Every structure is written in C-alpha cells, then in structure tokens.
PDB file of N, CA and C in Angstrom:
ATOM      1  N   MET A   1     -64.752  25.947 117.929  1.00  0.00           N
ATOM      2  CA  MET A   1     -64.227  25.824 116.588  1.00  0.00           C
ATOM      3  C   MET A   1     -62.703  25.742 116.656  1.00  0.00           C
ATOM      4  N   LYS A   2     -62.141  24.841 115.858  1.00  0.00           N
ATOM      5  CA  LYS A   2     -60.689  24.659 115.874  1.00  0.00           C
ATOM      6  C   LYS A   2     -59.998  25.761 115.085  1.00  0.00           C
ATOM      7  N   GLN A   3     -58.793  26.084 115.499  1.00  0.00           N
ATOM      8  CA  GLN A   3     -57.988  27.056 114.780  1.00  0.00           C
ATOM      9  C   GLN A   3     -56.966  26.319 113.931  1.00  0.00           C
ATOM     10  N   ILE A   4     -56.686  26.872 112.771  1.00  0.00           N
ATOM     11  CA  ILE A   4     -55.715  26.257 111.867  1.00  0.00           C
ATOM     12  C   ILE A   4     -54.318  26.715 112.276  1.00  0.00           C
ATOM     13  N   ASP A   5     -53.434  25.770 112.411  1.00  0.00           N
ATOM     14  CA  ASP A   5     -52.055  26.045 112.804  1.00  0.00           C
ATOM     15  C   ASP A   5     -51.322  26.710 111.640  1.00  0.00           C
ATOM     16  N   LEU A   6     -50.569  27.768 111.923  1.00  0.00           N
ATOM     17  CA  LEU A   6     -49.825  28.501 110.896  1.00  0.00           C
ATOM     18  C   LEU A   6     -48.805  27.597 110.210  1.00  0.00           C
ATOM     19  N   LYS A   7     -48.186  26.714 110.962  1.00  0.00           N
ATOM     20  CA  LYS A   7     -47.196  25.801 110.393  1.00  0.00           C
ATOM     21  C   LYS A   7     -47.843  24.890 109.335  1.00  0.00           C
ATOM     22  N   SER A   8     -49.037  24.400 109.607  1.00  0.00           N
ATOM     23  CA  SER A   8     -49.743  23.539 108.654  1.00  0.00           C
ATOM     24  C   SER A   8     -50.102  24.299 107.380  1.00  0.00           C
ATOM     25  N   VAL A   9     -50.511  25.547 107.521  1.00  0.00           N
ATOM     26  CA  VAL A   9     -50.841  26.370 106.357  1.00  0.00           C
ATOM     27  C   VAL A   9     -49.602  26.597 105.504  1.00  0.00           C
ATOM     28  N   LEU A  10     -48.488  26.904 106.131  1.00  0.00           N
ATOM     29  CA  LEU A  10     -47.255  27.140 105.383  1.00  0.00           C
ATOM     30  C   LEU A  10     -46.790  25.882 104.652  1.00  0.00           C
ATOM     31  N   ILE A  11     -46.916  24.733 105.290  1.00  0.00           N
ATOM     32  CA  ILE A  11     -46.541  23.478 104.633  1.00  0.00           C
ATOM     33  C   ILE A  11     -47.456  23.221 103.431  1.00  0.00           C
ATOM     34  N   GLY A  12     -48.743  23.466 103.589  1.00  0.00           N
ATOM     35  CA  GLY A  12     -49.688  23.288 102.486  1.00  0.00           C
ATOM     36  C   GLY A  12     -49.387  24.212 101.321  1.00  0.00           C
ATOM     37  N   VAL A  13     -49.090  25.462 101.608  1.00  0.00           N
ATOM     38  CA  VAL A  13     -48.743  26.431 100.559  1.00  0.00           C
ATOM     39  C   VAL A  13     -47.451  26.012  99.858  1.00  0.00           C
ATOM     40  N   PHE A  14     -46.462  25.581 100.623  1.00  0.00           N
ATOM     41  CA  PHE A  14     -45.187  25.145 100.040  1.00  0.00           C
ATOM     42  C   PHE A  14     -45.375  23.957  99.104  1.00  0.00           C
ATOM     43  N   VAL A  15     -46.118  22.951  99.548  1.00  0.00           N
ATOM     44  CA  VAL A  15     -46.341  21.763  98.718  1.00  0.00           C
ATOM     45  C   VAL A  15     -47.120  22.124  97.456  1.00  0.00           C
ATOM     46  N   THR A  16     -48.146  22.943  97.604  1.00  0.00           N
ATOM     47  CA  THR A  16     -48.964  23.337  96.458  1.00  0.00           C
ATOM     48  C   THR A  16     -48.146  24.103  95.429  1.00  0.00           C
ATOM     49  N   THR A  17     -47.361  25.081  95.863  1.00  0.00           N
ATOM     50  CA  THR A  17     -46.566  25.847  94.904  1.00  0.00           C
ATOM     51  C   THR A  17     -45.483  24.984  94.267  1.00  0.00           C
ATOM     52  N   THR A  18     -44.912  24.055  95.021  1.00  0.00           N
ATOM     53  CA  THR A  18     -43.909  23.156  94.451  1.00  0.00           C
ATOM     54  C   THR A  18     -44.513  22.312  93.330  1.00  0.00           C
ATOM     55  N   VAL A  19     -45.688  21.764  93.548  1.00  0.00           N
ATOM     56  CA  VAL A  19     -46.344  20.939  92.530  1.00  0.00           C
ATOM     57  C   VAL A  19     -46.693  21.772  91.308  1.00  0.00           C
ATOM     58  N   ILE A  20     -47.270  22.937  91.508  1.00  0.00           N
ATOM     59  CA  ILE A  20     -47.678  23.781  90.382  1.00  0.00           C
ATOM     60  C   ILE A  20     -46.469  24.227  89.571  1.00  0.00           C
ATOM     61  N   LEU A  21     -45.416  24.657  90.227  1.00  0.00           N
ATOM     62  CA  LEU A  21     -44.230  25.106  89.506  1.00  0.00           C
ATOM     63  C   LEU A  21     -43.509  23.966  88.803  1.00  0.00           C
ATOM     64  N   SER A  22     -43.505  22.782  89.390  1.00  0.00           N
ATOM     65  CA  SER A  22     -42.817  21.664  88.746  1.00  0.00           C
ATOM     66  C   SER A  22     -43.583  21.161  87.529  1.00  0.00           C
ATOM     67  N   LEU A  23     -44.903  21.283  87.532  1.00  0.00           N
ATOM     68  CA  LEU A  23     -45.684  20.867  86.367  1.00  0.00           C
ATOM     69  C   LEU A  23     -45.524  21.831  85.203  1.00  0.00           C
ATOM     70  N   GLY A  24     -45.269  23.079  85.494  1.00  0.00           N
ATOM     71  CA  GLY A  24     -45.134  24.072  84.435  1.00  0.00           C
ATOM     72  C   GLY A  24     -43.706  24.360  84.041  1.00  0.00           C
ATOM     73  N   ALA A  25     -42.769  23.575  84.514  1.00  0.00           N
ATOM     74  CA  ALA A  25     -41.358  23.857  84.254  1.00  0.00           C
ATOM     75  C   ALA A  25     -40.925  23.286  82.908  1.00  0.00           C
ATOM     76  N   THR A  26     -41.196  24.044  81.863  1.00  0.00           N
ATOM     77  CA  THR A  26     -40.741  23.659  80.525  1.00  0.00           C
ATOM     78  C   THR A  26     -40.005  24.833  79.914  1.00  0.00           C
ATOM     79  N   GLY A  27     -39.221  24.561  78.938  1.00  0.00           N
ATOM     80  CA  GLY A  27     -38.454  25.607  78.294  1.00  0.00           C
ATOM     81  C   GLY A  27     -38.669  25.613  76.796  1.00  0.00           C
ATOM     82  N   PRO A  28     -38.017  26.547  76.110  1.00  0.00           N
ATOM     83  CA  PRO A  28     -38.188  26.635  74.658  1.00  0.00           C
ATOM     84  C   PRO A  28     -37.676  25.391  73.921  1.00  0.00           C
ATOM     85  N   GLN A  29     -36.753  24.654  74.515  1.00  0.00           N
ATOM     86  CA  GLN A  29     -36.233  23.455  73.872  1.00  0.00           C
ATOM     87  C   GLN A  29     -37.258  22.326  73.864  1.00  0.00           C
ATOM     88  N   ASP A  30     -38.319  22.437  74.663  1.00  0.00           N
ATOM     89  CA  ASP A  30     -39.351  21.404  74.719  1.00  0.00           C
ATOM     90  C   ASP A  30     -40.399  21.566  73.630  1.00  0.00           C
ATOM     91  N   LYS A  31     -40.375  22.676  72.906  1.00  0.00           N
ATOM     92  CA  LYS A  31     -41.391  22.933  71.897  1.00  0.00           C
ATOM     93  C   LYS A  31     -41.259  21.923  70.752  1.00  0.00           C
ATOM     94  N   GLY A  32     -42.341  21.247  70.439  1.00  0.00           N
ATOM     95  CA  GLY A  32     -42.356  20.314  69.320  1.00  0.00           C
ATOM     96  C   GLY A  32     -41.727  18.967  69.603  1.00  0.00           C
ATOM     97  N   VAL A  33     -41.429  18.659  70.858  1.00  0.00           N
ATOM     98  CA  VAL A  33     -40.832  17.369  71.195  1.00  0.00           C
ATOM     99  C   VAL A  33     -41.885  16.288  71.049  1.00  0.00           C
ATOM    100  N   LYS A  34     -41.534  15.216  70.343  1.00  0.00           N
ATOM    101  CA  LYS A  34     -42.461  14.113  70.136  1.00  0.00           C
ATOM    102  C   LYS A  34     -41.900  12.847  70.751  1.00  0.00           C
ATOM    103  N   SER A  35     -42.773  11.931  70.985  1.00  0.00           N
ATOM    104  CA  SER A  35     -42.380  10.636  71.518  1.00  0.00           C
ATOM    105  C   SER A  35     -41.498   9.912  70.503  1.00  0.00           C
ATOM    106  N   PRO A  36     -40.486   9.154  70.966  1.00  0.00           N
ATOM    107  CA  PRO A  36     -39.641   8.412  70.027  1.00  0.00           C
ATOM    108  C   PRO A  36     -40.420   7.353  69.235  1.00  0.00           C
ATOM    109  N   SER A  37     -41.580   6.932  69.744  1.00  0.00           N
ATOM    110  CA  SER A  37     -42.350   5.917  69.034  1.00  0.00           C
ATOM    111  C   SER A  37     -43.265   6.536  67.974  1.00  0.00           C
ATOM    112  N   TRP A  38     -43.244   7.847  67.824  1.00  0.00           N
ATOM    113  CA  TRP A  38     -44.107   8.508  66.859  1.00  0.00           C
ATOM    114  C   TRP A  38     -43.298   8.883  65.626  1.00  0.00           C
ATOM    115  N   ASP A  39     -43.866   8.634  64.474  1.00  0.00           N
ATOM    116  CA  ASP A  39     -43.245   9.108  63.241  1.00  0.00           C
ATOM    117  C   ASP A  39     -44.328   9.648  62.323  1.00  0.00           C
ATOM    118  N   GLU A  40     -43.924  10.443  61.343  1.00  0.00           N
ATOM    119  CA  GLU A  40     -44.873  11.121  60.459  1.00  0.00           C
ATOM    120  C   GLU A  40     -45.551  10.177  59.471  1.00  0.00           C
ATOM    121  N   SER A  41     -45.027   8.965  59.305  1.00  0.00           N
ATOM    122  CA  SER A  41     -45.587   8.049  58.309  1.00  0.00           C
ATOM    123  C   SER A  41     -46.705   7.174  58.872  1.00  0.00           C
ATOM    124  N   GLN A  42     -47.074   7.362  60.113  1.00  0.00           N
ATOM    125  CA  GLN A  42     -48.142   6.546  60.694  1.00  0.00           C
ATOM    126  C   GLN A  42     -49.474   6.882  60.046  1.00  0.00           C
ATOM    127  N   LYS A  43     -50.246   5.864  59.754  1.00  0.00           N
ATOM    128  CA  LYS A  43     -51.583   6.026  59.186  1.00  0.00           C
ATOM    129  C   LYS A  43     -52.581   5.389  60.137  1.00  0.00           C
ATOM    130  N   TRP A  44     -53.707   6.049  60.325  1.00  0.00           N
ATOM    131  CA  TRP A  44     -54.717   5.586  61.269  1.00  0.00           C
ATOM    132  C   TRP A  44     -56.050   5.430  60.565  1.00  0.00           C
ATOM    133  N   GLU A  45     -56.783   4.420  60.957  1.00  0.00           N
ATOM    134  CA  GLU A  45     -58.159   4.241  60.516  1.00  0.00           C
ATOM    135  C   GLU A  45     -59.049   4.656  61.681  1.00  0.00           C
ATOM    136  N   TRP A  46     -59.974   5.547  61.414  1.00  0.00           N
ATOM    137  CA  TRP A  46     -60.853   6.086  62.455  1.00  0.00           C
ATOM    138  C   TRP A  46     -62.261   5.591  62.227  1.00  0.00           C
ATOM    139  N   THR A  47     -62.999   5.395  63.292  1.00  0.00           N
ATOM    140  CA  THR A  47     -64.403   5.040  63.195  1.00  0.00           C
ATOM    141  C   THR A  47     -65.172   5.681  64.339  1.00  0.00           C
ATOM    142  N   ILE A  48     -66.383   6.102  64.038  1.00  0.00           N
ATOM    143  CA  ILE A  48     -67.274   6.683  65.042  1.00  0.00           C
ATOM    144  C   ILE A  48     -68.453   5.738  65.193  1.00  0.00           C
ATOM    145  N   LEU A  49     -68.671   5.291  66.406  1.00  0.00           N
ATOM    146  CA  LEU A  49     -69.721   4.317  66.680  1.00  0.00           C
ATOM    147  C   LEU A  49     -70.687   4.858  67.723  1.00  0.00           C
ATOM    148  N   PRO A  50     -71.927   4.412  67.680  1.00  0.00           N
ATOM    149  CA  PRO A  50     -72.817   4.750  68.793  1.00  0.00           C
ATOM    150  C   PRO A  50     -72.344   4.029  70.041  1.00  0.00           C
ATOM    151  N   PHE A  51     -72.742   4.545  71.186  1.00  0.00           N
ATOM    152  CA  PHE A  51     -72.397   3.852  72.429  1.00  0.00           C
ATOM    153  C   PHE A  51     -72.881   2.416  72.354  1.00  0.00           C
ATOM    154  N   VAL A  52     -72.038   1.496  72.774  1.00  0.00           N
ATOM    155  CA  VAL A  52     -72.388   0.083  72.703  1.00  0.00           C
ATOM    156  C   VAL A  52     -72.191  -0.549  74.070  1.00  0.00           C
ATOM    157  N   ASP A  53     -72.746  -1.722  74.226  1.00  0.00           N
ATOM    158  CA  ASP A  53     -72.593  -2.437  75.490  1.00  0.00           C
ATOM    159  C   ASP A  53     -71.230  -3.130  75.524  1.00  0.00           C
ATOM    160  N   ALA A  54     -70.983  -3.908  76.545  1.00  0.00           N
ATOM    161  CA  ALA A  54     -69.682  -4.568  76.712  1.00  0.00           C
ATOM    162  C   ALA A  54     -69.367  -5.505  75.557  1.00  0.00           C
ATOM    163  N   ASP A  55     -70.368  -6.184  74.990  1.00  0.00           N
ATOM    164  CA  ASP A  55     -70.109  -7.080  73.858  1.00  0.00           C
ATOM    165  C   ASP A  55     -69.624  -6.299  72.647  1.00  0.00           C
ATOM    166  N   GLY A  56     -70.212  -5.145  72.400  1.00  0.00           N
ATOM    167  CA  GLY A  56     -69.777  -4.321  71.275  1.00  0.00           C
ATOM    168  C   GLY A  56     -68.367  -3.804  71.465  1.00  0.00           C
ATOM    169  N   LEU A  57     -68.013  -3.428  72.688  1.00  0.00           N
ATOM    170  CA  LEU A  57     -66.649  -2.966  72.961  1.00  0.00           C
ATOM    171  C   LEU A  57     -65.649  -4.080  72.709  1.00  0.00           C
ATOM    172  N   LYS A  58     -66.011  -5.286  73.077  1.00  0.00           N
ATOM    173  CA  LYS A  58     -65.117  -6.418  72.867  1.00  0.00           C
ATOM    174  C   LYS A  58     -64.914  -6.665  71.376  1.00  0.00           C
ATOM    175  N   ARG A  59     -65.977  -6.520  70.606  1.00  0.00           N
ATOM    176  CA  ARG A  59     -65.891  -6.746  69.168  1.00  0.00           C
ATOM    177  C   ARG A  59     -64.948  -5.719  68.521  1.00  0.00           C
ATOM    178  N   VAL A  60     -65.076  -4.449  68.900  1.00  0.00           N
ATOM    179  CA  VAL A  60     -64.203  -3.413  68.354  1.00  0.00           C
ATOM    180  C   VAL A  60     -62.775  -3.637  68.829  1.00  0.00           C
ATOM    181  N   GLY A  61     -62.605  -3.991  70.102  1.00  0.00           N
ATOM    182  CA  GLY A  61     -61.273  -4.203  70.649  1.00  0.00           C
ATOM    183  C   GLY A  61     -60.536  -5.347  69.984  1.00  0.00           C
ATOM    184  N   ASN A  62     -61.244  -6.401  69.597  1.00  0.00           N
ATOM    185  CA  ASN A  62     -60.602  -7.535  68.947  1.00  0.00           C
ATOM    186  C   ASN A  62     -60.030  -7.165  67.586  1.00  0.00           C
ATOM    187  N   ALA A  63     -60.604  -6.161  66.927  1.00  0.00           N
ATOM    188  CA  ALA A  63     -60.144  -5.767  65.603  1.00  0.00           C
ATOM    189  C   ALA A  63     -58.926  -4.843  65.670  1.00  0.00           C
ATOM    190  N   GLY A  64     -58.426  -4.578  66.853  1.00  0.00           N
ATOM    191  CA  GLY A  64     -57.247  -3.727  66.999  1.00  0.00           C
ATOM    192  C   GLY A  64     -57.563  -2.267  67.222  1.00  0.00           C
ATOM    193  N   PHE A  65     -58.811  -1.903  67.410  1.00  0.00           N
ATOM    194  CA  PHE A  65     -59.173  -0.516  67.656  1.00  0.00           C
ATOM    195  C   PHE A  65     -58.926  -0.158  69.107  1.00  0.00           C
ATOM    196  N   GLU A  66     -58.550   1.107  69.329  1.00  0.00           N
ATOM    197  CA  GLU A  66     -58.413   1.614  70.680  1.00  0.00           C
ATOM    198  C   GLU A  66     -59.333   2.813  70.853  1.00  0.00           C
ATOM    199  N   PHE A  67     -59.864   2.950  72.040  1.00  0.00           N
ATOM    200  CA  PHE A  67     -60.792   4.032  72.351  1.00  0.00           C
ATOM    201  C   PHE A  67     -60.039   5.355  72.379  1.00  0.00           C
ATOM    202  N   VAL A  68     -60.612   6.400  71.756  1.00  0.00           N
ATOM    203  CA  VAL A  68     -59.985   7.716  71.747  1.00  0.00           C
ATOM    204  C   VAL A  68     -60.804   8.707  72.571  1.00  0.00           C
ATOM    205  N   SER A  69     -62.087   8.829  72.277  1.00  0.00           N
ATOM    206  CA  SER A  69     -62.922   9.776  73.017  1.00  0.00           C
ATOM    207  C   SER A  69     -64.391   9.430  72.831  1.00  0.00           C
ATOM    208  N   CYS A  70     -65.228  10.163  73.544  1.00  0.00           N
ATOM    209  CA  CYS A  70     -66.665   9.967  73.385  1.00  0.00           C
ATOM    210  C   CYS A  70     -67.368  11.309  73.504  1.00  0.00           C
ATOM    211  N   ASP A  71     -68.554  11.375  72.942  1.00  0.00           N
ATOM    212  CA  ASP A  71     -69.401  12.551  73.040  1.00  0.00           C
ATOM    213  C   ASP A  71     -70.721  12.098  73.639  1.00  0.00           C
ATOM    214  N   GLN A  72     -70.932  12.422  74.897  1.00  0.00           N
ATOM    215  CA  GLN A  72     -72.125  11.933  75.576  1.00  0.00           C
ATOM    216  C   GLN A  72     -73.383  12.606  75.055  1.00  0.00           C
ATOM    217  N   LYS A  73     -73.242  13.831  74.547  1.00  0.00           N
ATOM    218  CA  LYS A  73     -74.415  14.520  74.013  1.00  0.00           C
ATOM    219  C   LYS A  73     -74.902  13.840  72.738  1.00  0.00           C
ATOM    220  N   LEU A  74     -73.969  13.438  71.874  1.00  0.00           N
ATOM    221  CA  LEU A  74     -74.330  12.756  70.625  1.00  0.00           C
ATOM    222  C   LEU A  74     -74.445  11.250  70.799  1.00  0.00           C
ATOM    223  N   ARG A  75     -74.048  10.752  71.974  1.00  0.00           N
ATOM    224  CA  ARG A  75     -74.084   9.312  72.284  1.00  0.00           C
ATOM    225  C   ARG A  75     -73.227   8.518  71.295  1.00  0.00           C
ATOM    226  N   THR A  76     -72.025   9.017  71.015  1.00  0.00           N
ATOM    227  CA  THR A  76     -71.101   8.332  70.106  1.00  0.00           C
ATOM    228  C   THR A  76     -69.738   8.180  70.761  1.00  0.00           C
ATOM    229  N   SER A  77     -68.944   7.269  70.225  1.00  0.00           N
ATOM    230  CA  SER A  77     -67.569   7.080  70.689  1.00  0.00           C
ATOM    231  C   SER A  77     -66.652   7.015  69.476  1.00  0.00           C
ATOM    232  N   VAL A  78     -65.420   7.495  69.643  1.00  0.00           N
ATOM    233  CA  VAL A  78     -64.438   7.533  68.558  1.00  0.00           C
ATOM    234  C   VAL A  78     -63.374   6.479  68.844  1.00  0.00           C
ATOM    235  N   TRP A  79     -63.056   5.684  67.830  1.00  0.00           N
ATOM    236  CA  TRP A  79     -62.069   4.603  67.936  1.00  0.00           C
ATOM    237  C   TRP A  79     -61.069   4.745  66.805  1.00  0.00           C
ATOM    238  N   ARG A  80     -59.843   4.236  67.011  1.00  0.00           N
ATOM    239  CA  ARG A  80     -58.834   4.252  65.949  1.00  0.00           C
ATOM    240  C   ARG A  80     -58.004   2.972  66.014  1.00  0.00           C
ATOM    241  N   ARG A  81     -57.399   2.666  64.873  1.00  0.00           N
ATOM    242  CA  ARG A  81     -56.403   1.591  64.845  1.00  0.00           C
ATOM    243  C   ARG A  81     -55.355   1.959  63.812  1.00  0.00           C
ATOM    244  N   ARG A  82     -54.144   1.587  64.104  1.00  0.00           N
ATOM    245  CA  ARG A  82     -53.027   1.915  63.231  1.00  0.00           C
ATOM    246  C   ARG A  82     -52.999   0.929  62.078  1.00  0.00           C
ATOM    247  N   VAL A  83     -52.908   1.444  60.850  1.00  0.00           N
ATOM    248  CA  VAL A  83     -52.867   0.590  59.681  1.00  0.00           C
ATOM    249  C   VAL A  83     -51.491   0.600  59.024  1.00  0.00           C
ATOM    250  N   GLN A  84     -50.642   1.545  59.375  1.00  0.00           N
ATOM    251  CA  GLN A  84     -49.272   1.569  58.863  1.00  0.00           C
ATOM    252  C   GLN A  84     -48.357   2.189  59.887  1.00  0.00           C
TER     253      GLN A  84
END
C-alpha cells in the first residue's frame, strides 16, 4: 500500500482553505449589492409548463422566454420573459 506524502497533504490543505476562504470573503458593504443591469421597474411574465420535448422548448424559446427552474416531482418547468 502506498503512503501519502506529507508535502502533498499540506499542498492540498493549503489549496482547499484558500478556495474556501476566497469564496466567503465578503464584507458588510456587499449587502444588498445588485447588478447594474437590474432595476426595480422590471416586469416579468411567468409561465409554468409541463415537461416538453425539444420542439416545445424551441417554441417557448422563440417567444423570448428563458428557463428558470424545474420540478421533477411535479414534472413541470418554470419560464419567464421580460415585458418591461
């Protein structure tokens, strides 16, 4: 059985902690920050559809809808499009 080199373990721990700490590095000034492309006056039209085949997805996509989420238990998908 091979033995794990201590140097390799230390490098792995260092990389892992660096990634975890960098992902969580936010401050109080970040609270409530929104994308510059977002404004409060946006209006969305929502629709819930049963799962459809590729032709149905194309039909919804042509109307300007974008996929948001799906519920596999209910066999439905949620779509939206911006109207204002």
